[in-house]
Amino acid sequence: MPKVYITNKSGHDFSPAEKFGDIIFLSEGRINQYQVARVYREYADILKDSSPEDYILITGLSLMSSVASAIMARKHGRVNWLQFHAQTKDYKSRTIIIDELIGEIHR
């Protein structure tokens, strides 16, 4: 079963995302947005066991989602995101496959 990596454990109810996979938090509590290297090291250590089918749930500081996405893109050549839609109160998945996009740029 895929994993859903959530960038930060906060007061939100992430249970609707459980239908996409097992929930794993990449961090908890306050994060200093200027400590990019620290966030990268912590996330990279946890994401080393990730697979191409896993998701990044977009939440928290943009830095956190950016770092997690960059790690997944480099490691797997793709990123699967979960975005919360307020109208439906549910998550929708979105995927980009990096090699396809880069190939289009170089044509």
N, C-alpha and C. Protein backbone atom coordinates (compact mmCIF):
# COMPACT_ATOMS: atom_id res chain seq x y z
N MET A 1 0.85 -1.19 0.00
CA MET A 1 0.00 0.00 0.00
C MET A 1 0.89 1.25 0.00
N PRO A 2 0.53 2.25 -0.80
CA PRO A 2 1.32 3.48 -0.82
C PRO A 2 1.31 4.18 0.53
N LYS A 3 2.24 5.10 0.68
CA LYS A 3 2.32 5.92 1.88
C LYS A 3 1.93 7.36 1.53
N VAL A 4 1.36 8.04 2.49
CA VAL A 4 1.03 9.45 2.35
C VAL A 4 1.93 10.20 3.32
N TYR A 5 2.89 10.93 2.76
CA TYR A 5 3.80 11.71 3.59
C TYR A 5 3.21 13.10 3.79
N ILE A 6 2.98 13.43 5.05
CA ILE A 6 2.43 14.74 5.40
C ILE A 6 3.57 15.58 5.94
N THR A 7 3.74 16.78 5.38
CA THR A 7 4.93 17.57 5.69
C THR A 7 5.03 17.99 7.14
N ASN A 8 3.90 18.14 7.83
CA ASN A 8 3.96 18.55 9.23
C ASN A 8 2.71 18.11 9.98
N LYS A 9 2.92 17.55 11.14
CA LYS A 9 1.79 17.15 11.99
C LYS A 9 1.27 18.40 12.69
N SER A 10 0.03 18.72 12.40
CA SER A 10 -0.58 19.92 12.97
C SER A 10 -1.95 19.55 13.51
N GLY A 11 -2.77 20.52 13.77
CA GLY A 11 -4.08 20.28 14.34
C GLY A 11 -5.14 19.87 13.34
N HIS A 12 -4.76 19.71 12.07
CA HIS A 12 -5.74 19.36 11.04
C HIS A 12 -6.12 17.88 11.12
N ASP A 13 -7.30 17.58 10.62
CA ASP A 13 -7.75 16.20 10.51
C ASP A 13 -7.36 15.69 9.12
N PHE A 14 -6.37 14.82 9.08
CA PHE A 14 -5.89 14.29 7.82
C PHE A 14 -6.52 12.93 7.49
N SER A 15 -7.47 12.50 8.28
CA SER A 15 -8.03 11.16 8.09
C SER A 15 -8.62 10.91 6.69
N PRO A 16 -9.17 11.91 5.99
CA PRO A 16 -9.65 11.62 4.63
C PRO A 16 -8.54 11.14 3.68
N ALA A 17 -7.29 11.45 4.00
CA ALA A 17 -6.17 11.04 3.15
C ALA A 17 -5.79 9.58 3.36
N GLU A 18 -6.31 8.96 4.41
CA GLU A 18 -5.96 7.56 4.70
C GLU A 18 -6.39 6.60 3.61
N LYS A 19 -7.36 6.99 2.81
CA LYS A 19 -7.79 6.09 1.73
C LYS A 19 -6.73 5.98 0.63
N PHE A 20 -5.76 6.90 0.63
CA PHE A 20 -4.67 6.86 -0.35
C PHE A 20 -3.47 6.06 0.14
N GLY A 21 -3.38 5.82 1.45
CA GLY A 21 -2.25 5.06 1.97
C GLY A 21 -2.01 5.33 3.44
N ASP A 22 -0.96 4.72 3.95
CA ASP A 22 -0.58 4.88 5.35
C ASP A 22 0.02 6.26 5.58
N ILE A 23 -0.41 6.92 6.62
CA ILE A 23 0.03 8.28 6.94
C ILE A 23 1.38 8.24 7.66
N ILE A 24 2.31 9.06 7.17
CA ILE A 24 3.62 9.24 7.81
C ILE A 24 3.90 10.74 7.87
N PHE A 25 4.20 11.24 9.05
CA PHE A 25 4.51 12.66 9.20
C PHE A 25 6.01 12.88 9.04
N LEU A 26 6.36 13.91 8.26
CA LEU A 26 7.76 14.24 8.04
C LEU A 26 8.32 15.14 9.14
N SER A 27 7.45 15.86 9.84
CA SER A 27 7.89 16.72 10.94
C SER A 27 6.70 16.99 11.85
N GLU A 28 7.00 17.60 12.97
CA GLU A 28 5.94 17.93 13.93
C GLU A 28 6.30 19.24 14.62
N GLY A 29 5.28 20.05 14.84
CA GLY A 29 5.49 21.31 15.56
C GLY A 29 6.00 22.41 14.66
N ARG A 30 6.52 23.43 15.33
CA ARG A 30 7.00 24.62 14.62
C ARG A 30 8.26 24.34 13.83
N ILE A 31 8.30 24.85 12.62
CA ILE A 31 9.46 24.71 11.73
C ILE A 31 9.96 26.11 11.38
N ASN A 32 11.26 26.31 11.50
CA ASN A 32 11.86 27.58 11.12
C ASN A 32 12.00 27.58 9.60
N GLN A 33 11.30 28.47 8.93
CA GLN A 33 11.29 28.49 7.47
C GLN A 33 12.64 28.85 6.86
N TYR A 34 13.58 29.31 7.66
CA TYR A 34 14.90 29.67 7.15
C TYR A 34 15.92 28.55 7.32
N GLN A 35 15.54 27.47 7.96
CA GLN A 35 16.46 26.34 8.16
C GLN A 35 16.20 25.27 7.09
N VAL A 36 16.44 25.66 5.86
CA VAL A 36 16.14 24.79 4.72
C VAL A 36 16.98 23.51 4.78
N ALA A 37 18.26 23.62 5.08
CA ALA A 37 19.13 22.44 5.12
C ALA A 37 18.66 21.45 6.18
N ARG A 38 18.21 21.95 7.31
CA ARG A 38 17.71 21.07 8.38
C ARG A 38 16.46 20.32 7.92
N VAL A 39 15.53 21.04 7.31
CA VAL A 39 14.31 20.43 6.80
C VAL A 39 14.67 19.37 5.76
N TYR A 40 15.58 19.71 4.87
CA TYR A 40 16.00 18.76 3.84
C TYR A 40 16.58 17.49 4.45
N ARG A 41 17.48 17.63 5.41
CA ARG A 41 18.10 16.44 6.03
C ARG A 41 17.06 15.57 6.72
N GLU A 42 16.16 16.18 7.47
CA GLU A 42 15.12 15.42 8.17
C GLU A 42 14.19 14.70 7.20
N TYR A 43 13.76 15.41 6.17
CA TYR A 43 12.84 14.82 5.19
C TYR A 43 13.53 13.73 4.38
N ALA A 44 14.77 13.98 3.96
CA ALA A 44 15.50 13.00 3.15
C ALA A 44 15.68 11.70 3.92
N ASP A 45 15.92 11.79 5.21
CA ASP A 45 16.11 10.60 6.02
C ASP A 45 14.83 9.75 6.04
N ILE A 46 13.69 10.39 6.15
CA ILE A 46 12.41 9.67 6.19
C ILE A 46 12.02 9.19 4.79
N LEU A 47 12.23 10.02 3.77
CA LEU A 47 11.81 9.69 2.41
C LEU A 47 12.73 8.69 1.71
N LYS A 48 13.83 8.32 2.35
CA LYS A 48 14.74 7.34 1.73
C LYS A 48 14.03 6.01 1.48
N ASP A 49 13.00 5.72 2.24
CA ASP A 49 12.25 4.47 2.09
C ASP A 49 10.99 4.64 1.23
N SER A 50 10.84 5.77 0.57
CA SER A 50 9.64 6.04 -0.23
C SER A 50 9.69 5.26 -1.54
N SER A 51 8.52 5.22 -2.20
CA SER A 51 8.42 4.56 -3.50
C SER A 51 7.72 5.51 -4.48
N PRO A 52 7.78 5.22 -5.77
CA PRO A 52 7.16 6.11 -6.76
C PRO A 52 5.65 6.25 -6.60
N GLU A 53 5.00 5.31 -5.94
CA GLU A 53 3.55 5.35 -5.76
C GLU A 53 3.11 6.21 -4.57
N ASP A 54 4.04 6.65 -3.75
CA ASP A 54 3.72 7.40 -2.54
C ASP A 54 3.31 8.83 -2.86
N TYR A 55 2.65 9.45 -1.89
CA TYR A 55 2.12 10.80 -2.05
C TYR A 55 2.78 11.78 -1.08
N ILE A 56 2.80 13.05 -1.49
CA ILE A 56 3.11 14.17 -0.62
C ILE A 56 1.80 14.93 -0.44
N LEU A 57 1.36 15.07 0.80
CA LEU A 57 0.16 15.84 1.08
C LEU A 57 0.59 17.29 1.28
N ILE A 58 0.05 18.16 0.48
CA ILE A 58 0.44 19.57 0.51
C ILE A 58 -0.23 20.26 1.69
N THR A 59 0.60 20.73 2.62
CA THR A 59 0.11 21.44 3.80
C THR A 59 1.26 22.21 4.42
N GLY A 60 0.97 23.15 5.27
CA GLY A 60 2.02 23.86 6.00
C GLY A 60 2.75 24.88 5.15
N LEU A 61 3.96 25.19 5.59
CA LEU A 61 4.80 26.16 4.88
C LEU A 61 5.13 25.66 3.47
N SER A 62 5.17 26.56 2.52
CA SER A 62 5.52 26.16 1.15
C SER A 62 6.90 25.53 1.11
N LEU A 63 7.80 25.96 1.97
CA LEU A 63 9.14 25.37 2.04
C LEU A 63 9.06 23.86 2.26
N MET A 64 8.19 23.42 3.15
CA MET A 64 8.10 22.00 3.48
C MET A 64 7.61 21.19 2.28
N SER A 65 6.57 21.65 1.61
CA SER A 65 6.07 20.94 0.43
C SER A 65 7.09 20.98 -0.70
N SER A 66 7.80 22.10 -0.82
CA SER A 66 8.81 22.23 -1.88
C SER A 66 9.96 21.25 -1.68
N VAL A 67 10.46 21.17 -0.46
CA VAL A 67 11.58 20.26 -0.18
C VAL A 67 11.15 18.81 -0.37
N ALA A 68 10.00 18.44 0.17
CA ALA A 68 9.52 17.06 0.02
C ALA A 68 9.31 16.72 -1.45
N SER A 69 8.75 17.63 -2.21
CA SER A 69 8.51 17.39 -3.64
C SER A 69 9.82 17.25 -4.40
N ALA A 70 10.80 18.09 -4.08
CA ALA A 70 12.10 18.01 -4.75
C ALA A 70 12.77 16.67 -4.49
N ILE A 71 12.69 16.18 -3.27
CA ILE A 71 13.29 14.88 -2.93
C ILE A 71 12.60 13.77 -3.73
N MET A 72 11.28 13.79 -3.75
CA MET A 72 10.55 12.75 -4.48
C MET A 72 10.83 12.83 -5.99
N ALA A 73 10.90 14.02 -6.54
CA ALA A 73 11.18 14.19 -7.97
C ALA A 73 12.56 13.66 -8.32
N ARG A 74 13.53 13.96 -7.49
CA ARG A 74 14.91 13.50 -7.75
C ARG A 74 15.03 11.99 -7.58
N LYS A 75 14.38 11.47 -6.56
CA LYS A 75 14.48 10.05 -6.23
C LYS A 75 13.70 9.16 -7.20
N HIS A 76 12.50 9.61 -7.59
CA HIS A 76 11.61 8.74 -8.37
C HIS A 76 11.27 9.26 -9.77
N GLY A 77 11.67 10.50 -10.08
CA GLY A 77 11.34 11.05 -11.39
C GLY A 77 9.88 11.43 -11.52
N ARG A 78 9.18 11.47 -10.41
CA ARG A 78 7.76 11.84 -10.40
C ARG A 78 7.38 12.31 -9.01
N VAL A 79 6.27 13.04 -8.94
CA VAL A 79 5.72 13.47 -7.66
C VAL A 79 4.21 13.27 -7.72
N ASN A 80 3.68 12.62 -6.69
CA ASN A 80 2.24 12.47 -6.52
C ASN A 80 1.83 13.35 -5.34
N TRP A 81 0.93 14.26 -5.58
CA TRP A 81 0.47 15.15 -4.51
C TRP A 81 -0.97 14.84 -4.15
N LEU A 82 -1.30 15.16 -2.92
CA LEU A 82 -2.70 15.19 -2.49
C LEU A 82 -3.02 16.63 -2.14
N GLN A 83 -4.07 17.16 -2.76
CA GLN A 83 -4.53 18.52 -2.49
C GLN A 83 -5.92 18.46 -1.89
N PHE A 84 -6.13 19.24 -0.84
CA PHE A 84 -7.44 19.29 -0.20
C PHE A 84 -8.34 20.22 -0.97
N HIS A 85 -9.56 19.77 -1.23
CA HIS A 85 -10.56 20.59 -1.90
C HIS A 85 -11.66 20.92 -0.90
N ALA A 86 -11.78 22.19 -0.58
CA ALA A 86 -12.71 22.63 0.46
C ALA A 86 -14.16 22.31 0.12
N GLN A 87 -14.53 22.39 -1.15
CA GLN A 87 -15.92 22.14 -1.53
C GLN A 87 -16.34 20.70 -1.24
N THR A 88 -15.46 19.76 -1.57
CA THR A 88 -15.81 18.35 -1.39
C THR A 88 -15.32 17.81 -0.04
N LYS A 89 -14.50 18.59 0.67
CA LYS A 89 -13.91 18.17 1.95
C LYS A 89 -13.15 16.85 1.80
N ASP A 90 -12.46 16.74 0.67
CA ASP A 90 -11.72 15.52 0.37
C ASP A 90 -10.44 15.88 -0.37
N TYR A 91 -9.56 14.89 -0.49
CA TYR A 91 -8.30 15.08 -1.19
C TYR A 91 -8.41 14.55 -2.61
N LYS A 92 -7.73 15.23 -3.52
CA LYS A 92 -7.64 14.79 -4.91
C LYS A 92 -6.16 14.59 -5.21
N SER A 93 -5.85 13.57 -5.97
CA SER A 93 -4.46 13.30 -6.31
C SER A 93 -4.08 13.98 -7.62
N ARG A 94 -2.86 14.42 -7.67
CA ARG A 94 -2.27 15.04 -8.86
C ARG A 94 -0.87 14.47 -9.00
N THR A 95 -0.46 14.19 -10.22
CA THR A 95 0.86 13.61 -10.47
C THR A 95 1.55 14.35 -11.60
N ILE A 96 2.85 14.56 -11.45
CA ILE A 96 3.67 14.99 -12.58
C ILE A 96 4.81 13.99 -12.71
N ILE A 97 5.11 13.65 -13.95
CA ILE A 97 6.24 12.78 -14.24
C ILE A 97 7.32 13.66 -14.85
N ILE A 98 8.38 13.84 -14.11
CA ILE A 98 9.41 14.82 -14.43
C ILE A 98 10.01 14.60 -15.81
N ASP A 99 10.37 13.38 -16.15
CA ASP A 99 11.03 13.12 -17.44
C ASP A 99 10.15 13.51 -18.62
N GLU A 100 8.85 13.32 -18.49
CA GLU A 100 7.95 13.73 -19.58
C GLU A 100 7.96 15.23 -19.75
N LEU A 101 7.94 15.95 -18.65
CA LEU A 101 7.93 17.42 -18.73
C LEU A 101 9.23 17.96 -19.25
N ILE A 102 10.34 17.45 -18.77
CA ILE A 102 11.65 17.92 -19.20
C ILE A 102 11.88 17.59 -20.67
N GLY A 103 11.42 16.41 -21.09
CA GLY A 103 11.53 16.04 -22.50
C GLY A 103 10.81 17.02 -23.40
N GLU A 104 9.65 17.50 -22.96
CA GLU A 104 8.89 18.48 -23.74
C GLU A 104 9.62 19.80 -23.83
N ILE A 105 10.29 20.19 -22.76
CA ILE A 105 11.02 21.46 -22.73
C ILE A 105 12.18 21.46 -23.73
N HIS A 106 12.84 20.32 -23.87
CA HIS A 106 14.03 20.23 -24.72
C HIS A 106 13.74 19.95 -26.18
N ARG A 107 12.48 19.85 -26.54
CA ARG A 107 12.14 19.60 -27.96
C ARG A 107 12.10 20.86 -28.74
